[in-house]
C-alpha cells in the first residue's frame, strides 16, 4: 500500500512540475493543436453554467488516463475564467466502449460543482 501511495505522489509531482512550463493559452479554441504540440481541449465559451453547476465539454478520444494533462488544464482554465467561483467538486462524464458496438472510449466532459467565493 505504501508503494502505491508513493508512486501516486511521485506521479502527481511529475505532472505538477511538467505543467509549470505550459502556456495558459492552450485551452482557448475548439480544435487543433497548440504550437507546443498539446491538443487543444475546449472552447471556454462553450461552458454552460446554471446555478452552482457547470458543464465543461471536452470530447477527448480515449480513456481519462490518456488525457490527464488535458483534464487538469481544462479545470485550471475554468477556474481562471471564473475567479468568483470556488470549485467544490468535479466528475468526468465518459463513454466506455463495449466489445460489440465498435466505438472507442471518449471523455465527454466535466461536471463541475461550485459556489460563490467568499471575499
PDB file of N, CA and C in Angstrom:
ATOM      1  N   UNK A   1       0.818  -1.195   0.000  1.00  0.00           N
ATOM      2  CA  UNK A   1       0.000   0.000   0.000  1.00  0.00           C
ATOM      3  C   UNK A   1       0.864   1.261   0.000  1.00  0.00           C
ATOM      4  N   UNK A   2       1.950   1.262   0.776  1.00  0.00           N
ATOM      5  CA  UNK A   2       2.827   2.430   0.810  1.00  0.00           C
ATOM      6  C   UNK A   2       3.474   2.669  -0.541  1.00  0.00           C
ATOM      7  N   UNK A   3       3.810   1.573  -1.231  1.00  0.00           N
ATOM      8  CA  UNK A   3       4.420   1.712  -2.544  1.00  0.00           C
ATOM      9  C   UNK A   3       3.466   2.391  -3.514  1.00  0.00           C
ATOM     10  N   UNK A   4       2.196   2.008  -3.500  1.00  0.00           N
ATOM     11  CA  UNK A   4       1.206   2.631  -4.370  1.00  0.00           C
ATOM     12  C   UNK A   4       1.051   4.117  -4.052  1.00  0.00           C
ATOM     13  N   UNK A   5       0.981   4.420  -2.776  1.00  0.00           N
ATOM     14  CA  UNK A   5       0.839   5.815  -2.364  1.00  0.00           C
ATOM     15  C   UNK A   5       2.055   6.623  -2.803  1.00  0.00           C
ATOM     16  N   UNK A   6       3.236   6.076  -2.616  1.00  0.00           N
ATOM     17  CA  UNK A   6       4.463   6.766  -3.017  1.00  0.00           C
ATOM     18  C   UNK A   6       4.489   6.981  -4.524  1.00  0.00           C
ATOM     19  N   UNK A   7       4.085   5.969  -5.282  1.00  0.00           N
ATOM     20  CA  UNK A   7       4.048   6.105  -6.749  1.00  0.00           C
ATOM     21  C   UNK A   7       3.048   7.177  -7.168  1.00  0.00           C
ATOM     22  N   UNK A   8       1.893   7.227  -6.520  1.00  0.00           N
ATOM     23  CA  UNK A   8       0.884   8.229  -6.841  1.00  0.00           C
ATOM     24  C   UNK A   8       1.402   9.632  -6.549  1.00  0.00           C
ATOM     25  N   UNK A   9       2.067   9.793  -5.417  1.00  0.00           N
ATOM     26  CA  UNK A   9       2.628  11.101  -5.052  1.00  0.00           C
ATOM     27  C   UNK A   9       3.678  11.524  -6.080  1.00  0.00           C
ATOM     28  N   UNK A  10       4.543  10.592  -6.484  1.00  0.00           N
ATOM     29  CA  UNK A  10       5.564  10.909  -7.482  1.00  0.00           C
ATOM     30  C   UNK A  10       4.941  11.274  -8.823  1.00  0.00           C
ATOM     31  N   UNK A  11       3.892  10.552  -9.222  1.00  0.00           N
ATOM     32  CA  UNK A  11       3.205  10.840 -10.473  1.00  0.00           C
ATOM     33  C   UNK A  11       2.587  12.228 -10.446  1.00  0.00           C
ATOM     34  N   UNK A  12       1.885  12.557  -9.363  1.00  0.00           N
ATOM     35  CA  UNK A  12       1.262  13.878  -9.244  1.00  0.00           C
ATOM     36  C   UNK A  12       2.312  14.983  -9.222  1.00  0.00           C
ATOM     37  N   UNK A  13       3.433  14.733  -8.566  1.00  0.00           N
ATOM     38  CA  UNK A  13       4.510  15.725  -8.536  1.00  0.00           C
ATOM     39  C   UNK A  13       5.087  15.936  -9.931  1.00  0.00           C
ATOM     40  N   UNK A  14       5.268  14.843 -10.672  1.00  0.00           N
ATOM     41  CA  UNK A  14       5.792  14.952 -12.036  1.00  0.00           C
ATOM     42  C   UNK A  14       4.832  15.728 -12.927  1.00  0.00           C
ATOM     43  N   UNK A  15       3.538  15.489 -12.751  1.00  0.00           N
ATOM     44  CA  UNK A  15       2.544  16.219 -13.537  1.00  0.00           C
ATOM     45  C   UNK A  15       2.584  17.698 -13.189  1.00  0.00           C
ATOM     46  N   UNK A  16       2.661  18.001 -11.899  1.00  0.00           N
ATOM     47  CA  UNK A  16       2.692  19.402 -11.469  1.00  0.00           C
ATOM     48  C   UNK A  16       3.928  20.113 -12.004  1.00  0.00           C
ATOM     49  N   UNK A  17       5.072  19.440 -11.963  1.00  0.00           N
ATOM     50  CA  UNK A  17       6.302  20.035 -12.479  1.00  0.00           C
ATOM     51  C   UNK A  17       6.200  20.210 -13.991  1.00  0.00           C
ATOM     52  N   UNK A  18       5.657  19.212 -14.659  1.00  0.00           N
ATOM     53  CA  UNK A  18       5.509  19.269 -16.110  1.00  0.00           C
ATOM     54  C   UNK A  18       4.555  20.356 -16.556  1.00  0.00           C
ATOM     55  N   UNK A  19       3.548  20.674 -15.764  1.00  0.00           N
ATOM     56  CA  UNK A  19       2.571  21.695 -16.128  1.00  0.00           C
ATOM     57  C   UNK A  19       3.138  23.099 -16.025  1.00  0.00           C
ATOM     58  N   UNK A  20       4.170  23.270 -15.235  1.00  0.00           N
ATOM     59  CA  UNK A  20       4.692  24.594 -14.983  1.00  0.00           C
ATOM     60  C   UNK A  20       5.130  25.348 -16.220  1.00  0.00           C
ATOM     61  N   UNK A  21       5.649  24.646 -17.224  1.00  0.00           N
ATOM     62  CA  UNK A  21       6.149  25.321 -18.399  1.00  0.00           C
ATOM     63  C   UNK A  21       5.117  25.531 -19.485  1.00  0.00           C
ATOM     64  N   UNK A  22       3.932  25.029 -19.338  1.00  0.00           N
ATOM     65  CA  UNK A  22       2.902  25.150 -20.377  1.00  0.00           C
ATOM     66  C   UNK A  22       2.279  26.536 -20.354  1.00  0.00           C
ATOM     67  N   UNK A  23       1.820  26.979 -21.495  1.00  0.00           N
ATOM     68  CA  UNK A  23       1.171  28.278 -21.588  1.00  0.00           C
ATOM     69  C   UNK A  23      -0.307  28.138 -21.280  1.00  0.00           C
ATOM     70  N   UNK A  24      -0.876  29.153 -20.626  1.00  0.00           N
ATOM     71  CA  UNK A  24      -2.284  29.084 -20.264  1.00  0.00           C
ATOM     72  C   UNK A  24      -3.203  29.265 -21.457  1.00  0.00           C
ATOM     73  N   UNK A  25      -2.660  29.634 -22.607  1.00  0.00           N
ATOM     74  CA  UNK A  25      -3.495  29.853 -23.779  1.00  0.00           C
ATOM     75  C   UNK A  25      -3.871  28.562 -24.487  1.00  0.00           C
ATOM     76  N   UNK A  26      -3.441  27.429 -23.958  1.00  0.00           N
ATOM     77  CA  UNK A  26      -3.693  26.171 -24.652  1.00  0.00           C
ATOM     78  C   UNK A  26      -5.154  25.851 -24.797  1.00  0.00           C
ATOM     79  N   UNK A  27      -5.982  26.286 -23.893  1.00  0.00           N
ATOM     80  CA  UNK A  27      -7.362  25.854 -23.907  1.00  0.00           C
ATOM     81  C   UNK A  27      -8.250  27.018 -24.319  1.00  0.00           C
ATOM     82  N   UNK A  28      -8.099  27.503 -25.524  1.00  0.00           N
ATOM     83  CA  UNK A  28      -8.895  28.646 -25.920  1.00  0.00           C
ATOM     84  C   UNK A  28      -9.750  28.401 -27.156  1.00  0.00           C
ATOM     85  N   UNK A  29      -9.396  27.452 -27.994  1.00  0.00           N
ATOM     86  CA  UNK A  29     -10.201  27.232 -29.190  1.00  0.00           C
ATOM     87  C   UNK A  29     -10.720  25.804 -29.226  1.00  0.00           C
ATOM     88  N   UNK A  30     -11.602  25.529 -30.146  1.00  0.00           N
ATOM     89  CA  UNK A  30     -12.332  24.266 -30.130  1.00  0.00           C
ATOM     90  C   UNK A  30     -11.589  23.097 -30.743  1.00  0.00           C
ATOM     91  N   UNK A  31     -10.628  23.313 -31.614  1.00  0.00           N
ATOM     92  CA  UNK A  31      -9.984  22.182 -32.279  1.00  0.00           C
ATOM     93  C   UNK A  31      -8.542  22.503 -32.637  1.00  0.00           C
ATOM     94  N   UNK A  32      -7.773  21.463 -32.909  1.00  0.00           N
ATOM     95  CA  UNK A  32      -6.410  21.637 -33.378  1.00  0.00           C
ATOM     96  C   UNK A  32      -5.368  21.381 -32.322  1.00  0.00           C
ATOM     97  N   UNK A  33      -4.160  21.855 -32.593  1.00  0.00           N
ATOM     98  CA  UNK A  33      -3.049  21.693 -31.664  1.00  0.00           C
ATOM     99  C   UNK A  33      -2.412  23.047 -31.421  1.00  0.00           C
ATOM    100  N   UNK A  34      -1.799  23.185 -30.277  1.00  0.00           N
ATOM    101  CA  UNK A  34      -1.092  24.418 -29.969  1.00  0.00           C
ATOM    102  C   UNK A  34       0.307  24.322 -30.549  1.00  0.00           C
ATOM    103  N   UNK A  35       1.059  25.417 -30.480  1.00  0.00           N
ATOM    104  CA  UNK A  35       2.407  25.395 -31.022  1.00  0.00           C
ATOM    105  C   UNK A  35       3.357  24.517 -30.210  1.00  0.00           C
ATOM    106  N   UNK A  36       2.996  24.136 -28.980  1.00  0.00           N
ATOM    107  CA  UNK A  36       3.845  23.213 -28.217  1.00  0.00           C
ATOM    108  C   UNK A  36       3.372  21.768 -28.365  1.00  0.00           C
ATOM    109  N   UNK A  37       2.427  21.515 -29.295  1.00  0.00           N
ATOM    110  CA  UNK A  37       2.025  20.153 -29.611  1.00  0.00           C
ATOM    111  C   UNK A  37       0.925  19.573 -28.750  1.00  0.00           C
ATOM    112  N   UNK A  38       0.470  20.291 -27.735  1.00  0.00           N
ATOM    113  CA  UNK A  38      -0.584  19.772 -26.870  1.00  0.00           C
ATOM    114  C   UNK A  38      -1.942  19.932 -27.556  1.00  0.00           C
ATOM    115  N   UNK A  39      -2.785  18.925 -27.450  1.00  0.00           N
ATOM    116  CA  UNK A  39      -4.115  19.010 -28.026  1.00  0.00           C
ATOM    117  C   UNK A  39      -4.903  20.126 -27.356  1.00  0.00           C
ATOM    118  N   UNK A  40      -5.604  20.918 -28.144  1.00  0.00           N
ATOM    119  CA  UNK A  40      -6.481  21.941 -27.597  1.00  0.00           C
ATOM    120  C   UNK A  40      -7.727  21.229 -27.104  1.00  0.00           C
ATOM    121  N   UNK A  41      -8.157  21.522 -25.896  1.00  0.00           N
ATOM    122  CA  UNK A  41      -9.192  20.730 -25.261  1.00  0.00           C
ATOM    123  C   UNK A  41     -10.585  21.293 -25.419  1.00  0.00           C
ATOM    124  N   UNK A  42     -10.794  22.551 -25.134  1.00  0.00           N
ATOM    125  CA  UNK A  42     -12.159  23.060 -25.226  1.00  0.00           C
ATOM    126  C   UNK A  42     -12.173  24.569 -25.428  1.00  0.00           C
ATOM    127  N   UNK A  43     -13.315  25.018 -25.833  1.00  0.00           N
ATOM    128  CA  UNK A  43     -13.551  26.441 -26.023  1.00  0.00           C
ATOM    129  C   UNK A  43     -14.249  26.945 -24.762  1.00  0.00           C
ATOM    130  N   UNK A  44     -13.631  27.877 -24.055  1.00  0.00           N
ATOM    131  CA  UNK A  44     -14.172  28.393 -22.800  1.00  0.00           C
ATOM    132  C   UNK A  44     -15.595  28.914 -22.998  1.00  0.00           C
ATOM    133  N   UNK A  45     -15.898  29.438 -24.172  1.00  0.00           N
ATOM    134  CA  UNK A  45     -17.238  29.980 -24.417  1.00  0.00           C
ATOM    135  C   UNK A  45     -18.310  28.898 -24.520  1.00  0.00           C
ATOM    136  N   UNK A  46     -17.921  27.633 -24.633  1.00  0.00           N
ATOM    137  CA  UNK A  46     -18.885  26.530 -24.734  1.00  0.00           C
ATOM    138  C   UNK A  46     -19.315  25.993 -23.371  1.00  0.00           C
ATOM    139  N   UNK A  47     -18.687  26.467 -22.289  1.00  0.00           N
ATOM    140  CA  UNK A  47     -19.044  26.020 -20.939  1.00  0.00           C
ATOM    141  C   UNK A  47     -20.445  26.521 -20.612  1.00  0.00           C
ATOM    142  N   UNK A  48     -21.290  25.638 -20.086  1.00  0.00           N
ATOM    143  CA  UNK A  48     -22.649  26.011 -19.687  1.00  0.00           C
ATOM    144  C   UNK A  48     -22.738  25.997 -18.170  1.00  0.00           C
ATOM    145  N   UNK A  49     -23.279  27.075 -17.602  1.00  0.00           N
ATOM    146  CA  UNK A  49     -23.414  27.186 -16.149  1.00  0.00           C
ATOM    147  C   UNK A  49     -24.854  27.519 -15.804  1.00  0.00           C
ATOM    148  N   UNK A  50     -25.375  26.826 -14.803  1.00  0.00           N
ATOM    149  CA  UNK A  50     -26.699  27.104 -14.270  1.00  0.00           C
ATOM    150  C   UNK A  50     -26.626  26.904 -12.765  1.00  0.00           C
ATOM    151  N   UNK A  51     -26.844  27.973 -12.025  1.00  0.00           N
ATOM    152  CA  UNK A  51     -26.754  27.888 -10.565  1.00  0.00           C
ATOM    153  C   UNK A  51     -25.334  27.547 -10.136  1.00  0.00           C
ATOM    154  N   UNK A  52     -25.200  26.507  -9.337  1.00  0.00           N
ATOM    155  CA  UNK A  52     -23.900  26.109  -8.798  1.00  0.00           C
ATOM    156  C   UNK A  52     -23.273  24.949  -9.553  1.00  0.00           C
ATOM    157  N   UNK A  53     -23.655  24.764 -10.811  1.00  0.00           N
ATOM    158  CA  UNK A  53     -23.134  23.637 -11.585  1.00  0.00           C
ATOM    159  C   UNK A  53     -22.792  24.085 -12.995  1.00  0.00           C
ATOM    160  N   UNK A  54     -21.709  23.524 -13.530  1.00  0.00           N
ATOM    161  CA  UNK A  54     -21.287  23.840 -14.890  1.00  0.00           C
ATOM    162  C   UNK A  54     -20.931  22.568 -15.640  1.00  0.00           C
ATOM    163  N   UNK A  55     -21.097  22.622 -16.960  1.00  0.00           N
ATOM    164  CA  UNK A  55     -20.714  21.539 -17.856  1.00  0.00           C
ATOM    165  C   UNK A  55     -19.571  22.061 -18.734  1.00  0.00           C
ATOM    166  N   UNK A  56     -18.434  21.370 -18.686  1.00  0.00           N
ATOM    167  CA  UNK A  56     -17.276  21.714 -19.497  1.00  0.00           C
ATOM    168  C   UNK A  56     -17.123  20.608 -20.550  1.00  0.00           C
ATOM    169  N   UNK A  57     -17.556  20.837 -21.797  1.00  0.00           N
ATOM    170  CA  UNK A  57     -17.454  19.794 -22.818  1.00  0.00           C
ATOM    171  C   UNK A  57     -16.013  19.597 -23.273  1.00  0.00           C
ATOM    172  N   UNK A  58     -15.590  18.335 -23.408  1.00  0.00           N
ATOM    173  CA  UNK A  58     -14.222  18.035 -23.826  1.00  0.00           C
ATOM    174  C   UNK A  58     -14.159  17.207 -25.117  1.00  0.00           C
ATOM    175  N   UNK A  59     -14.889  16.109 -25.171  1.00  0.00           N
ATOM    176  CA  UNK A  59     -14.895  15.208 -26.332  1.00  0.00           C
ATOM    177  C   UNK A  59     -13.492  14.756 -26.714  1.00  0.00           C
ATOM    178  N   UNK A  60     -12.820  14.106 -25.777  1.00  0.00           N
ATOM    179  CA  UNK A  60     -11.483  13.581 -26.000  1.00  0.00           C
ATOM    180  C   UNK A  60     -11.558  12.091 -26.300  1.00  0.00           C
ATOM    181  N   UNK A  61     -11.010  11.644 -27.413  1.00  0.00           N
ATOM    182  CA  UNK A  61     -10.983  10.221 -27.749  1.00  0.00           C
ATOM    183  C   UNK A  61     -10.018   9.498 -26.816  1.00  0.00           C
ATOM    184  N   UNK A  62     -10.465   8.388 -26.257  1.00  0.00           N
ATOM    185  CA  UNK A  62      -9.628   7.602 -25.360  1.00  0.00           C
ATOM    186  C   UNK A  62     -10.136   7.678 -23.935  1.00  0.00           C
ATOM    187  N   UNK A  63      -9.437   7.001 -23.050  1.00  0.00           N
ATOM    188  CA  UNK A  63      -9.844   6.951 -21.646  1.00  0.00           C
ATOM    189  C   UNK A  63      -9.228   8.119 -20.869  1.00  0.00           C
ATOM    190  N   UNK A  64      -9.771   8.438 -19.695  1.00  0.00           N
ATOM    191  CA  UNK A  64      -9.267   9.576 -18.916  1.00  0.00           C
ATOM    192  C   UNK A  64      -7.766   9.498 -18.617  1.00  0.00           C
ATOM    193  N   UNK A  65      -7.255   8.290 -18.370  1.00  0.00           N
ATOM    194  CA  UNK A  65      -5.830   8.188 -18.047  1.00  0.00           C
ATOM    195  C   UNK A  65      -4.927   8.558 -19.219  1.00  0.00           C
ATOM    196  N   UNK A  66      -5.476   8.628 -20.425  1.00  0.00           N
ATOM    197  CA  UNK A  66      -4.707   9.065 -21.593  1.00  0.00           C
ATOM    198  C   UNK A  66      -4.727  10.589 -21.739  1.00  0.00           C
ATOM    199  N   UNK A  67      -5.539  11.273 -20.929  1.00  0.00           N
ATOM    200  CA  UNK A  67      -5.725  12.721 -21.078  1.00  0.00           C
ATOM    201  C   UNK A  67      -5.637  13.452 -19.746  1.00  0.00           C
ATOM    202  N   UNK A  68      -4.761  13.004 -18.868  1.00  0.00           N
ATOM    203  CA  UNK A  68      -4.648  13.610 -17.536  1.00  0.00           C
ATOM    204  C   UNK A  68      -4.342  15.104 -17.641  1.00  0.00           C
ATOM    205  N   UNK A  69      -3.339  15.470 -18.424  1.00  0.00           N
ATOM    206  CA  UNK A  69      -2.966  16.885 -18.521  1.00  0.00           C
ATOM    207  C   UNK A  69      -4.071  17.733 -19.124  1.00  0.00           C
ATOM    208  N   UNK A  70      -4.738  17.225 -20.157  1.00  0.00           N
ATOM    209  CA  UNK A  70      -5.824  17.991 -20.766  1.00  0.00           C
ATOM    210  C   UNK A  70      -6.960  18.232 -19.780  1.00  0.00           C
ATOM    211  N   UNK A  71      -7.292  17.217 -18.982  1.00  0.00           N
ATOM    212  CA  UNK A  71      -8.370  17.347 -17.987  1.00  0.00           C
ATOM    213  C   UNK A  71      -7.976  18.365 -16.921  1.00  0.00           C
ATOM    214  N   UNK A  72      -6.744  18.259 -16.417  1.00  0.00           N
ATOM    215  CA  UNK A  72      -6.288  19.202 -15.397  1.00  0.00           C
ATOM    216  C   UNK A  72      -6.213  20.624 -15.954  1.00  0.00           C
ATOM    217  N   UNK A  73      -5.782  20.766 -17.204  1.00  0.00           N
ATOM    218  CA  UNK A  73      -5.741  22.089 -17.827  1.00  0.00           C
ATOM    219  C   UNK A  73      -7.138  22.665 -17.977  1.00  0.00           C
ATOM    220  N   UNK A  74      -8.084  21.830 -18.376  1.00  0.00           N
ATOM    221  CA  UNK A  74      -9.465  22.302 -18.530  1.00  0.00           C
ATOM    222  C   UNK A  74      -9.998  22.824 -17.199  1.00  0.00           C
ATOM    223  N   UNK A  75      -9.746  22.094 -16.118  1.00  0.00           N
ATOM    224  CA  UNK A  75     -10.181  22.550 -14.797  1.00  0.00           C
ATOM    225  C   UNK A  75      -9.495  23.857 -14.413  1.00  0.00           C
ATOM    226  N   UNK A  76      -8.204  23.937 -14.686  1.00  0.00           N
ATOM    227  CA  UNK A  76      -7.457  25.154 -14.363  1.00  0.00           C
ATOM    228  C   UNK A  76      -7.999  26.352 -15.146  1.00  0.00           C
ATOM    229  N   UNK A  77      -8.257  26.156 -16.429  1.00  0.00           N
ATOM    230  CA  UNK A  77      -8.768  27.254 -17.251  1.00  0.00           C
ATOM    231  C   UNK A  77     -10.173  27.667 -16.821  1.00  0.00           C
ATOM    232  N   UNK A  78     -10.992  26.689 -16.386  1.00  0.00           N
ATOM    233  CA  UNK A  78     -12.316  27.015 -15.864  1.00  0.00           C
ATOM    234  C   UNK A  78     -12.176  27.914 -14.640  1.00  0.00           C
ATOM    235  N   UNK A  79     -11.271  27.537 -13.726  1.00  0.00           N
ATOM    236  CA  UNK A  79     -11.070  28.333 -12.518  1.00  0.00           C
ATOM    237  C   UNK A  79     -10.529  29.729 -12.849  1.00  0.00           C
ATOM    238  N   UNK A  80      -9.628  29.823 -13.830  1.00  0.00           N
ATOM    239  CA  UNK A  80      -9.091  31.130 -14.227  1.00  0.00           C
ATOM    240  C   UNK A  80     -10.165  32.001 -14.869  1.00  0.00           C
ATOM    241  N   UNK A  81     -11.063  31.388 -15.626  1.00  0.00           N
ATOM    242  CA  UNK A  81     -12.133  32.144 -16.285  1.00  0.00           C
ATOM    243  C   UNK A  81     -13.213  32.575 -15.304  1.00  0.00           C
ATOM    244  N   UNK A  82     -13.288  31.905 -14.154  1.00  0.00           N
ATOM    245  CA  UNK A  82     -14.327  32.196 -13.157  1.00  0.00           C
ATOM    246  C   UNK A  82     -13.709  32.368 -11.764  1.00  0.00           C
ATOM    247  N   UNK A  83     -12.932  33.429 -11.556  1.00  0.00           N
ATOM    248  CA  UNK A  83     -12.295  33.616 -10.253  1.00  0.00           C
ATOM    249  C   UNK A  83     -13.307  33.858  -9.127  1.00  0.00           C
ATOM    250  N   UNK A  84     -14.537  34.211  -9.496  1.00  0.00           N
ATOM    251  CA  UNK A  84     -15.568  34.451  -8.483  1.00  0.00           C
ATOM    252  C   UNK A  84     -16.164  33.150  -7.938  1.00  0.00           C
ATOM    253  N   UNK A  85     -15.822  32.010  -8.569  1.00  0.00           N
ATOM    254  CA  UNK A  85     -16.373  30.720  -8.155  1.00  0.00           C
ATOM    255  C   UNK A  85     -15.318  29.847  -7.488  1.00  0.00           C
ATOM    256  N   UNK A  86     -15.722  29.150  -6.448  1.00  0.00           N
ATOM    257  CA  UNK A  86     -14.869  28.181  -5.777  1.00  0.00           C
ATOM    258  C   UNK A  86     -15.366  26.788  -6.159  1.00  0.00           C
ATOM    259  N   UNK A  87     -14.527  26.006  -6.831  1.00  0.00           N
ATOM    260  CA  UNK A  87     -14.909  24.639  -7.232  1.00  0.00           C
ATOM    261  C   UNK A  87     -14.973  23.781  -5.985  1.00  0.00           C
ATOM    262  N   UNK A  88     -16.122  23.121  -5.778  1.00  0.00           N
ATOM    263  CA  UNK A  88     -16.288  22.256  -4.614  1.00  0.00           C
ATOM    264  C   UNK A  88     -16.110  20.784  -4.965  1.00  0.00           C
ATOM    265  N   UNK A  89     -16.411  20.417  -6.218  1.00  0.00           N
ATOM    266  CA  UNK A  89     -16.180  19.049  -6.678  1.00  0.00           C
ATOM    267  C   UNK A  89     -16.322  19.003  -8.190  1.00  0.00           C
ATOM    268  N   UNK A  90     -15.839  17.912  -8.793  1.00  0.00           N
ATOM    269  CA  UNK A  90     -15.992  17.715 -10.231  1.00  0.00           C
ATOM    270  C   UNK A  90     -15.972  16.221 -10.535  1.00  0.00           C
ATOM    271  N   UNK A  91     -16.649  15.851 -11.612  1.00  0.00           N
ATOM    272  CA  UNK A  91     -16.709  14.451 -12.054  1.00  0.00           C
ATOM    273  C   UNK A  91     -16.577  14.417 -13.564  1.00  0.00           C
ATOM    274  N   UNK A  92     -15.931  13.377 -14.062  1.00  0.00           N
ATOM    275  CA  UNK A  92     -15.841  13.193 -15.505  1.00  0.00           C
ATOM    276  C   UNK A  92     -17.066  12.460 -16.022  1.00  0.00           C
ATOM    277  N   UNK A  93     -17.505  12.841 -17.191  1.00  0.00           N
ATOM    278  CA  UNK A  93     -18.548  12.108 -17.910  1.00  0.00           C
ATOM    279  C   UNK A  93     -17.825  11.419 -19.061  1.00  0.00           C
ATOM    280  N   UNK A  94     -17.873  10.096 -19.076  1.00  0.00           N
ATOM    281  CA  UNK A  94     -17.147   9.376 -20.108  1.00  0.00           C
ATOM    282  C   UNK A  94     -18.005   8.291 -20.738  1.00  0.00           C
ATOM    283  N   UNK A  95     -17.641   7.931 -21.939  1.00  0.00           N
ATOM    284  CA  UNK A  95     -18.297   6.840 -22.652  1.00  0.00           C
ATOM    285  C   UNK A  95     -17.279   5.726 -22.792  1.00  0.00           C
ATOM    286  N   UNK A  96     -17.639   4.532 -22.329  1.00  0.00           N
ATOM    287  CA  UNK A  96     -16.744   3.396 -22.448  1.00  0.00           C
ATOM    288  C   UNK A  96     -17.286   2.447 -23.502  1.00  0.00           C
ATOM    289  N   UNK A  97     -16.413   2.061 -24.405  1.00  0.00           N
ATOM    290  CA  UNK A  97     -16.838   1.192 -25.490  1.00  0.00           C
ATOM    291  C   UNK A  97     -17.191  -0.197 -24.963  1.00  0.00           C
ATOM    292  N   UNK A  98     -18.026  -0.881 -25.717  1.00  0.00           N
ATOM    293  CA  UNK A  98     -18.305  -2.287 -25.460  1.00  0.00           C
ATOM    294  C   UNK A  98     -17.753  -3.069 -26.633  1.00  0.00           C
ATOM    295  N   UNK A  99     -17.549  -4.339 -26.441  1.00  0.00           N
ATOM    296  CA  UNK A  99     -16.949  -5.162 -27.497  1.00  0.00           C
ATOM    297  C   UNK A  99     -17.806  -5.172 -28.755  1.00  0.00           C
ATOM    298  N   UNK A 100     -19.117  -5.043 -28.617  1.00  0.00           N
ATOM    299  CA  UNK A 100     -19.996  -5.197 -29.769  1.00  0.00           C
ATOM    300  C   UNK A 100     -20.309  -3.904 -30.518  1.00  0.00           C
ATOM    301  N   UNK A 101     -20.105  -2.737 -29.913  1.00  0.00           N
ATOM    302  CA  UNK A 101     -20.543  -1.522 -30.600  1.00  0.00           C
ATOM    303  C   UNK A 101     -19.493  -0.912 -31.534  1.00  0.00           C
ATOM    304  N   UNK A 102     -18.265  -1.355 -31.472  1.00  0.00           N
ATOM    305  CA  UNK A 102     -17.236  -0.901 -32.393  1.00  0.00           C
ATOM    306  C   UNK A 102     -16.776   0.525 -32.203  1.00  0.00           C
ATOM    307  N   UNK A 103     -17.183   1.185 -31.149  1.00  0.00           N
ATOM    308  CA  UNK A 103     -16.777   2.568 -30.921  1.00  0.00           C
ATOM    309  C   UNK A 103     -15.527   2.600 -30.046  1.00  0.00           C
ATOM    310  N   UNK A 104     -15.046   3.799 -29.766  1.00  0.00           N
ATOM    311  CA  UNK A 104     -13.888   3.929 -28.889  1.00  0.00           C
ATOM    312  C   UNK A 104     -14.289   4.690 -27.630  1.00  0.00           C
ATOM    313  N   UNK A 105     -13.459   4.578 -26.596  1.00  0.00           N
ATOM    314  CA  UNK A 105     -13.697   5.315 -25.359  1.00  0.00           C
ATOM    315  C   UNK A 105     -13.624   6.809 -25.645  1.00  0.00           C
ATOM    316  N   UNK A 106     -14.356   7.585 -24.845  1.00  0.00           N
ATOM    317  CA  UNK A 106     -14.332   9.036 -25.011  1.00  0.00           C
ATOM    318  C   UNK A 106     -14.630   9.719 -23.687  1.00  0.00           C
ATOM    319  N   UNK A 107     -13.863  10.761 -23.384  1.00  0.00           N
ATOM    320  CA  UNK A 107     -14.156  11.624 -22.244  1.00  0.00           C
ATOM    321  C   UNK A 107     -15.049  12.728 -22.797  1.00  0.00           C
ATOM    322  N   UNK A 108     -16.323  12.702 -22.421  1.00  0.00           N
ATOM    323  CA  UNK A 108     -17.286  13.655 -22.968  1.00  0.00           C
ATOM    324  C   UNK A 108     -17.123  15.045 -22.379  1.00  0.00           C
ATOM    325  N   UNK A 109     -16.855  15.115 -21.066  1.00  0.00           N
ATOM    326  CA  UNK A 109     -16.711  16.411 -20.433  1.00  0.00           C
ATOM    327  C   UNK A 109     -16.580  16.292 -18.925  1.00  0.00           C
ATOM    328  N   UNK A 110     -16.654  17.446 -18.268  1.00  0.00           N
ATOM    329  CA  UNK A 110     -16.503  17.511 -16.818  1.00  0.00           C
ATOM    330  C   UNK A 110     -17.721  18.223 -16.228  1.00  0.00           C
ATOM    331  N   UNK A 111     -18.343  17.597 -15.236  1.00  0.00           N
ATOM    332  CA  UNK A 111     -19.382  18.249 -14.437  1.00  0.00           C
ATOM    333  C   UNK A 111     -18.676  18.917 -13.271  1.00  0.00           C
ATOM    334  N   UNK A 112     -18.856  20.216 -13.129  1.00  0.00           N
ATOM    335  CA  UNK A 112     -18.187  20.973 -12.067  1.00  0.00           C
ATOM    336  C   UNK A 112     -19.243  21.549 -11.129  1.00  0.00           C
ATOM    337  N   UNK A 113     -19.091  21.283  -9.846  1.00  0.00           N
ATOM    338  CA  UNK A 113     -19.938  21.920  -8.822  1.00  0.00           C
ATOM    339  C   UNK A 113     -19.119  23.027  -8.170  1.00  0.00           C
ATOM    340  N   UNK A 114     -19.773  24.155  -7.894  1.00  0.00           N
ATOM    341  CA  UNK A 114     -19.051  25.307  -7.347  1.00  0.00           C
ATOM    342  C   UNK A 114     -20.000  26.159  -6.516  1.00  0.00           C
ATOM    343  N   UNK A 115     -19.418  27.149  -5.844  1.00  0.00           N
ATOM    344  CA  UNK A 115     -20.201  28.130  -5.095  1.00  0.00           C
ATOM    345  C   UNK A 115     -19.482  29.469  -5.212  1.00  0.00           C
ATOM    346  N   UNK A 116     -20.191  30.508  -4.848  1.00  0.00           N
ATOM    347  CA  UNK A 116     -19.573  31.832  -4.888  1.00  0.00           C
ATOM    348  C   UNK A 116     -18.415  31.889  -3.913  1.00  0.00           C
ATOM    349  N   UNK A 117     -17.324  32.451  -4.360  1.00  0.00           N
ATOM    350  CA  UNK A 117     -16.149  32.592  -3.496  1.00  0.00           C
ATOM    351  C   UNK A 117     -16.429  33.710  -2.502  1.00  0.00           C
ATOM    352  N   UNK A 118     -16.196  33.437  -1.244  1.00  0.00           N
ATOM    353  CA  UNK A 118     -16.426  34.443  -0.201  1.00  0.00           C
ATOM    354  C   UNK A 118     -15.242  35.388  -0.149  1.00  0.00           C
ATOM    355  N   UNK A 119     -15.507  36.669  -0.046  1.00  0.00           N
ATOM    356  CA  UNK A 119     -14.421  37.665  -0.038  1.00  0.00           C
ATOM    357  C   UNK A 119     -14.277  38.289   1.307  1.00  0.00           C
TER     358      UNK A 119
END
